[in-house]
């Protein structure tokens, strides 16, 4: 099993920056894809940014150029660098990891990001 713990959320003004962190533990060797999703009130959970099994990155169009995903060399921690934040970025951000060995996705508990003046 994989356990994920996020940190770094909070309240920020429009145009501000935050960095989210996600630390993975457990069977991290089995992880192929890892990244971030978010869910705003009344909306479905959506992809923000992820690393794929081939090491490529995928970004939602709405965040390209403003949010950047990175990870440590050991690939057990991923970060989401959030710049030029907008009120529409307000959501609970969830860390995600997929293990093809088990066919299961693991999710963190979520961290709230609120962008407001």
Protein backbone atom coordinates (compact mmCIF):
# COMPACT_ATOMS: atom_id res chain seq x y z
CA UNK A 1 0.00 0.00 0.00
CA UNK A 2 0.97 3.60 -0.53
CA UNK A 3 0.29 6.37 1.97
CA UNK A 4 0.27 10.00 0.91
CA UNK A 5 0.47 13.05 3.16
CA UNK A 6 -0.02 16.55 1.78
CA UNK A 7 0.99 19.86 3.31
CA UNK A 8 1.32 23.49 2.36
CA UNK A 9 -2.21 24.70 1.71
CA UNK A 10 -3.62 27.94 3.05
CA UNK A 11 -5.09 31.33 2.28
CA UNK A 12 -3.39 33.52 -0.29
CA UNK A 13 -4.32 36.69 -2.12
CA UNK A 14 -4.87 36.70 -5.89
CA UNK A 15 -1.54 36.81 -7.68
CA UNK A 16 0.19 35.13 -4.76
CA UNK A 17 2.13 31.89 -4.51
CA UNK A 18 2.02 28.65 -2.54
CA UNK A 19 3.91 25.39 -2.61
CA UNK A 20 2.19 22.11 -1.85
CA UNK A 21 4.13 19.01 -0.82
CA UNK A 22 3.15 15.35 -0.92
CA UNK A 23 5.23 12.73 0.80
CA UNK A 24 4.71 9.09 -0.15
CA UNK A 25 5.50 6.12 2.06
CA UNK A 26 4.92 2.41 1.94
CA UNK A 27 5.24 0.60 -1.37
CA UNK A 28 6.61 3.59 -3.25
CA UNK A 29 8.56 1.32 -5.59
CA UNK A 30 5.25 0.31 -7.13
CA UNK A 31 4.18 3.84 -8.06
CA UNK A 32 4.02 4.67 -11.77
CA UNK A 33 2.00 7.89 -11.89
CA UNK A 34 1.96 10.55 -9.18
CA UNK A 35 0.63 14.05 -8.99
CA UNK A 36 -2.16 16.41 -8.04
CA UNK A 37 -5.90 16.69 -8.48
CA UNK A 38 -8.28 19.28 -7.05
CA UNK A 39 -11.95 19.56 -6.22
CA UNK A 40 -13.79 22.85 -5.90
CA UNK A 41 -17.15 23.12 -4.10
CA UNK A 42 -19.93 21.71 -6.26
CA UNK A 43 -17.53 20.48 -8.93
CA UNK A 44 -15.97 17.17 -9.88
CA UNK A 45 -12.41 16.30 -8.99
CA UNK A 46 -10.09 17.28 -11.82
CA UNK A 47 -6.49 16.69 -12.81
CA UNK A 48 -4.09 19.54 -12.08
CA UNK A 49 -0.65 18.12 -12.84
CA UNK A 50 0.89 14.67 -12.81
CA UNK A 51 4.03 12.75 -13.64
CA UNK A 52 3.31 9.76 -15.88
CA UNK A 53 5.09 6.41 -15.81
CA UNK A 54 7.43 7.60 -18.57
CA UNK A 55 8.47 10.64 -16.57
CA UNK A 56 6.41 13.04 -18.67
CA UNK A 57 4.23 15.71 -17.11
CA UNK A 58 0.58 16.43 -17.79
CA UNK A 59 -1.06 19.73 -16.90
CA UNK A 60 -4.61 20.99 -17.02
CA UNK A 61 -4.90 23.78 -19.58
CA UNK A 62 -6.18 26.13 -16.90
CA UNK A 63 -2.93 25.93 -14.91
CA UNK A 64 -0.27 25.81 -17.64
CA UNK A 65 2.33 28.49 -17.14
CA UNK A 66 1.28 29.15 -13.54
CA UNK A 67 1.53 25.83 -11.68
CA UNK A 68 4.54 23.53 -11.92
CA UNK A 69 4.97 20.00 -10.65
CA UNK A 70 8.34 18.74 -9.48
CA UNK A 71 9.66 15.82 -7.45
CA UNK A 72 12.69 14.68 -5.51
CA UNK A 73 15.30 12.41 -7.06
CA UNK A 74 14.00 9.55 -4.95
CA UNK A 75 10.56 10.21 -6.44
CA UNK A 76 8.91 9.83 -3.06
CA UNK A 77 7.93 13.48 -2.72
CA UNK A 78 6.15 15.64 -5.25
CA UNK A 79 5.60 19.35 -5.10
CA UNK A 80 3.14 21.70 -6.72
CA UNK A 81 4.57 25.19 -7.16
CA UNK A 82 1.64 27.55 -7.53
CA UNK A 83 2.21 31.06 -8.88
CA UNK A 84 -0.10 33.81 -10.11
CA UNK A 85 -2.95 32.22 -8.20
CA UNK A 86 -6.51 33.09 -9.13
CA UNK A 87 -9.75 32.82 -7.13
CA UNK A 88 -10.80 29.96 -9.43
CA UNK A 89 -7.83 27.95 -8.13
CA UNK A 90 -9.64 27.70 -4.79
CA UNK A 91 -10.19 24.01 -4.05
CA UNK A 92 -9.11 21.07 -1.97
CA UNK A 93 -5.94 19.71 -3.54
CA UNK A 94 -5.35 15.97 -3.39
CA UNK A 95 -2.16 14.07 -3.96
CA UNK A 96 -2.58 10.98 -6.14
CA UNK A 97 -0.47 7.93 -6.86
CA UNK A 98 -1.21 4.94 -9.07
CA UNK A 99 0.32 1.51 -8.76
CA UNK A 100 -0.01 -0.75 -11.81
CA UNK A 101 1.01 -3.72 -9.67
CA UNK A 102 -2.18 -3.47 -7.67
CA UNK A 103 -4.28 -1.51 -10.13
CA UNK A 104 -5.14 0.85 -7.30
CA UNK A 105 -5.02 4.58 -6.89
CA UNK A 106 -4.04 6.07 -3.55
CA UNK A 107 -5.18 9.50 -2.38
CA UNK A 108 -4.02 11.85 0.31
CA UNK A 109 -6.35 13.49 2.78
CA UNK A 110 -6.41 16.75 0.85
CA UNK A 111 -5.22 20.26 1.64
CA UNK A 112 -7.33 23.39 1.26
CA UNK A 113 -6.13 26.22 -0.96
CA UNK A 114 -8.15 29.42 -0.83
CA UNK A 115 -7.37 32.35 -3.10
CA UNK A 116 -9.17 35.44 -1.91
CA UNK A 117 -8.58 39.11 -1.24
